[in-house]
Amino acid sequence: MADIPAWLLRHTATIEPYEGTGAAGPIYGAPVTVRCFVDDVSRLVRSGDGTEAVSSATLYCPLDTVAPAESRVTVNGHRPATVFTTFRRDGGGLPTPDHLEVVLQ
């Protein structure tokens, strides 16, 4: 497995993983800061269940990053967003830059 090169991970994101809903609303896990690459481009994306949304940005993170849909994300310390969906990019042993693509709303 070839991880995404560290020199590409020029930005940081703080992720609070979505864990479900309680009586007072959404429940989030402890915040974790990860290094990533931020692609600030709006685009139409479709989740695995066919739901469509306009993405505000896409993060390219290490493959072991935990960021389920509806997680809260703060990019570079100042821009809050919500995870719409993620795409696991794993080459299965091929020499590819394995990573987790995190699509933000």
Protein backbone atom coordinates (compact mmCIF):
# COMPACT_ATOMS: atom_id res chain seq x y z
CA MET A 1 0.00 0.00 0.00
CA ALA A 2 1.35 3.42 -0.99
CA ASP A 3 -0.05 6.21 1.16
CA ILE A 4 -0.68 9.67 -0.18
CA PRO A 5 2.71 11.46 -0.05
CA ALA A 6 3.19 13.53 3.11
CA TRP A 7 4.49 16.49 1.12
CA LEU A 8 1.01 16.85 -0.45
CA LEU A 9 -0.68 17.20 2.94
CA ARG A 10 -0.24 20.98 3.21
CA HIS A 11 -3.41 21.82 5.18
CA THR A 12 -5.07 20.75 8.43
CA ALA A 13 -8.63 19.80 9.26
CA THR A 14 -10.19 19.14 12.65
CA ILE A 15 -12.77 16.37 12.37
CA GLU A 16 -15.45 15.65 14.95
CA PRO A 17 -16.80 12.23 13.85
CA TYR A 18 -20.59 11.94 13.77
CA GLU A 19 -21.74 9.19 16.16
CA GLY A 20 -25.53 9.47 15.96
CA THR A 21 -28.40 11.49 17.35
CA GLY A 22 -29.38 11.95 20.99
CA ALA A 23 -32.18 13.77 22.75
CA ALA A 24 -30.34 17.09 22.36
CA GLY A 25 -29.38 16.58 18.70
CA PRO A 26 -26.30 15.21 16.92
CA ILE A 27 -23.57 13.48 18.94
CA TYR A 28 -19.95 13.93 17.88
CA GLY A 29 -16.78 12.16 18.93
CA ALA A 30 -13.64 13.82 20.20
CA PRO A 31 -12.06 16.21 17.69
CA VAL A 32 -9.05 14.90 15.79
CA THR A 33 -6.72 17.08 13.74
CA VAL A 34 -5.43 15.53 10.51
CA ARG A 35 -3.10 16.73 7.81
CA CYS A 36 -4.76 16.86 4.41
CA PHE A 37 -4.85 18.52 1.02
CA VAL A 38 -7.82 20.85 0.47
CA ASP A 39 -9.29 21.27 -3.01
CA ASP A 40 -11.51 24.38 -2.86
CA VAL A 41 -13.82 23.72 -5.78
CA SER A 42 -17.60 23.53 -5.93
CA ARG A 43 -18.94 20.50 -7.77
CA LEU A 44 -22.01 18.32 -7.93
CA VAL A 45 -21.45 15.02 -6.11
CA ARG A 46 -23.57 11.94 -5.53
CA SER A 47 -23.37 9.78 -2.40
CA GLY A 48 -23.61 5.98 -2.39
CA ASP A 49 -27.38 6.13 -1.92
CA GLY A 50 -27.88 8.46 -4.90
CA THR A 51 -28.38 11.71 -2.96
CA GLU A 52 -26.92 14.71 -4.77
CA ALA A 53 -25.41 17.88 -3.28
CA VAL A 54 -23.10 20.69 -4.26
CA SER A 55 -19.73 20.22 -2.58
CA SER A 56 -17.93 23.26 -1.17
CA ALA A 57 -14.54 21.54 -0.98
CA THR A 58 -12.87 18.14 -1.02
CA LEU A 59 -10.23 16.97 1.45
CA TYR A 60 -7.65 14.33 0.55
CA CYS A 61 -6.65 12.66 3.82
CA PRO A 62 -4.64 9.62 4.93
CA LEU A 63 -6.58 6.40 4.33
CA ASP A 64 -7.04 5.70 8.06
CA THR A 65 -8.91 9.00 8.65
CA VAL A 66 -12.33 8.57 10.33
CA ALA A 67 -14.90 11.00 8.90
CA PRO A 68 -18.39 9.50 8.49
CA ALA A 69 -21.15 11.48 6.77
CA GLU A 70 -22.53 14.33 8.91
CA SER A 71 -19.25 14.76 10.81
CA ARG A 72 -18.24 18.34 11.63
CA VAL A 73 -15.04 19.58 10.03
CA THR A 74 -13.10 22.81 10.52
CA VAL A 75 -10.65 23.44 7.70
CA ASN A 76 -7.43 25.33 8.44
CA GLY A 77 -8.84 26.52 11.76
CA HIS A 78 -11.51 28.83 10.39
CA ARG A 79 -14.00 27.29 7.98
CA PRO A 80 -16.68 24.97 9.47
CA ALA A 81 -18.36 22.43 7.20
CA THR A 82 -20.21 19.10 7.26
CA VAL A 83 -19.12 15.85 5.63
CA PHE A 84 -21.51 14.90 2.82
CA THR A 85 -19.84 11.63 1.82
CA THR A 86 -16.44 9.95 1.62
CA PHE A 87 -14.73 7.85 -1.01
CA ARG A 88 -12.09 5.31 -0.04
CA ARG A 89 -9.33 5.34 -2.68
CA ASP A 90 -7.34 2.16 -1.99
CA GLY A 91 -5.26 0.63 -4.75
CA GLY A 92 -5.25 -2.77 -3.03
CA GLY A 93 -1.47 -3.05 -3.06
CA LEU A 94 -0.90 -1.27 -6.37
CA PRO A 95 1.51 1.67 -6.25
CA THR A 96 -1.24 4.31 -6.03
CA PRO A 97 -1.62 7.25 -3.61
CA ASP A 98 -4.11 5.59 -1.24
CA HIS A 99 -6.28 8.13 0.57
CA LEU A 100 -9.73 9.01 1.87
CA GLU A 101 -11.56 11.62 -0.20
CA VAL A 102 -13.82 13.64 2.13
CA VAL A 103 -16.50 15.67 0.38
CA LEU A 104 -17.76 18.70 2.34
CA GLN A 105 -21.04 20.58 2.12
